[in-house]
Amino acid sequence: MMRTNDVVIDKVKSWLSDHNKSYQWLADQLLISKSLVGHMLSGERTLQPERIRQLADLMDVSVMELVSEGVQDENLSVNLRGSTSNRRSKRDLEHLLFAIEDYIGLAEQVRK
């Protein structure tokens, strides 16, 4: 299963290509720099929920369409085993928890 960020990036890149739109065009629409668009679409930056909503609006799709891989599983589960024993593993776990909370918050906002 791909990360939500990667799914969105792939769909945005594909949409830009299909509609003959450039990174500069996207930057102009989002009122950000072309270099920031490059960082976002290379995966160097995690897309924030507000930015995902903006992209969905530009692409004329729902947020759920943009973030979903295709097959939706409403019964998602996460199994963690072991413990964090160093700074890196603790940081990775914090990133995972943030991504989960971000995804759940985004899904709840879409349902409202």
Protein backbone atom coordinates (compact mmCIF):
# COMPACT_ATOMS: atom_id res chain seq x y z
CA MET A 1 0.00 0.00 0.00
CA MET A 2 1.39 3.40 -0.96
CA ARG A 3 1.58 6.31 1.44
CA THR A 4 -1.13 8.94 0.95
CA ASN A 5 1.50 11.53 0.08
CA ASP A 6 2.86 9.30 -2.71
CA VAL A 7 -0.63 8.58 -4.06
CA VAL A 8 -1.42 12.30 -4.27
CA ILE A 9 1.94 13.11 -5.87
CA ASP A 10 1.47 10.44 -8.54
CA LYS A 11 -2.05 11.63 -9.33
CA VAL A 12 -1.05 15.30 -9.49
CA LYS A 13 1.90 14.56 -11.79
CA SER A 14 -0.29 12.46 -14.04
CA TRP A 15 -3.02 15.12 -14.09
CA LEU A 16 -0.52 17.86 -14.95
CA SER A 17 0.84 15.76 -17.81
CA ASP A 18 -2.62 14.82 -19.11
CA HIS A 19 -3.72 18.48 -19.08
CA ASN A 20 -0.46 19.89 -20.46
CA LYS A 21 0.11 21.94 -17.31
CA SER A 22 3.53 22.85 -15.95
CA TYR A 23 4.94 23.11 -12.45
CA GLN A 24 4.96 26.87 -13.00
CA TRP A 25 1.23 26.82 -13.80
CA LEU A 26 0.56 24.84 -10.62
CA ALA A 27 2.74 27.22 -8.59
CA ASP A 28 0.79 30.19 -9.96
CA GLN A 29 -2.54 28.56 -9.06
CA LEU A 30 -1.39 27.72 -5.52
CA LEU A 31 0.35 31.09 -5.05
CA ILE A 32 3.64 29.42 -4.18
CA SER A 33 7.05 29.20 -5.85
CA LYS A 34 7.86 26.76 -8.62
CA SER A 35 10.68 25.37 -6.47
CA LEU A 36 8.21 24.57 -3.67
CA VAL A 37 6.03 22.72 -6.18
CA GLY A 38 9.13 20.78 -7.21
CA HIS A 39 9.87 19.87 -3.60
CA MET A 40 6.26 18.81 -3.02
CA LEU A 41 6.04 16.67 -6.14
CA SER A 42 9.42 15.03 -5.54
CA GLY A 43 8.22 13.85 -2.13
CA GLU A 44 10.72 15.99 -0.24
CA ARG A 45 7.85 17.69 1.59
CA THR A 46 4.79 16.11 3.11
CA LEU A 47 1.61 17.53 1.67
CA GLN A 48 -0.49 19.19 4.33
CA PRO A 49 -4.28 18.66 4.39
CA GLU A 50 -5.02 22.22 3.21
CA ARG A 51 -2.67 21.79 0.23
CA ILE A 52 -4.35 18.47 -0.65
CA ARG A 53 -7.73 20.25 -0.63
CA GLN A 54 -6.35 22.95 -2.93
CA LEU A 55 -4.99 20.34 -5.33
CA ALA A 56 -8.29 18.44 -5.36
CA ASP A 57 -10.14 21.68 -6.16
CA LEU A 58 -7.76 22.49 -9.02
CA MET A 59 -8.12 18.98 -10.43
CA ASP A 60 -11.91 19.09 -9.95
CA VAL A 61 -11.97 15.88 -7.91
CA SER A 62 -12.95 15.15 -4.32
CA VAL A 63 -10.28 14.91 -1.67
CA MET A 64 -11.17 11.25 -1.17
CA GLU A 65 -10.65 10.57 -4.89
CA LEU A 66 -7.29 12.29 -4.75
CA VAL A 67 -6.00 10.46 -1.68
CA SER A 68 -7.37 7.00 -2.42
CA GLU A 69 -5.32 4.37 -4.23
CA GLY A 70 -8.34 2.97 -5.95
CA VAL A 71 -9.43 0.14 -3.71
CA GLN A 72 -10.76 1.54 -0.48
CA ASP A 73 -10.63 -0.40 2.73
CA GLU A 74 -12.74 1.19 5.44
CA ASN A 75 -11.33 -1.18 8.07
CA LEU A 76 -7.73 -0.04 8.25
CA SER A 77 -5.54 -1.39 11.02
CA VAL A 78 -2.00 -0.81 12.20
CA ASN A 79 -0.01 -3.41 14.13
CA LEU A 80 3.13 -2.30 15.93
CA ARG A 81 5.49 -4.73 17.64
CA GLY A 82 8.65 -4.16 19.59
CA SER A 83 9.88 -0.95 21.13
CA THR A 84 11.75 2.16 20.13
CA SER A 85 15.31 1.86 21.29
CA ASN A 86 17.01 4.86 19.73
CA ARG A 87 16.31 8.42 18.63
CA ARG A 88 15.73 7.51 15.01
CA SER A 89 13.13 4.83 15.75
CA LYS A 90 11.36 7.21 18.15
CA ARG A 91 11.34 9.92 15.48
CA ASP A 92 10.07 7.46 12.86
CA LEU A 93 7.25 6.42 15.19
CA GLU A 94 6.34 10.06 15.80
CA HIS A 95 6.21 10.63 12.01
CA LEU A 96 4.00 7.58 11.63
CA LEU A 97 1.63 8.75 14.35
CA PHE A 98 1.48 12.22 12.78
CA ALA A 99 0.68 10.73 9.37
CA ILE A 100 -2.07 8.57 10.87
CA GLU A 101 -3.60 11.49 12.76
CA ASP A 102 -3.33 13.65 9.64
CA TYR A 103 -5.06 11.01 7.50
CA ILE A 104 -7.83 10.41 10.05
CA GLY A 105 -8.40 14.15 10.44
CA LEU A 106 -8.56 14.60 6.67
CA ALA A 107 -11.01 11.72 6.29
CA GLU A 108 -13.23 13.13 9.04
CA GLN A 109 -13.24 16.57 7.41
CA VAL A 110 -14.23 15.07 4.06
CA ARG A 111 -17.13 13.19 5.62
CA LYS A 112 -18.59 16.38 7.16
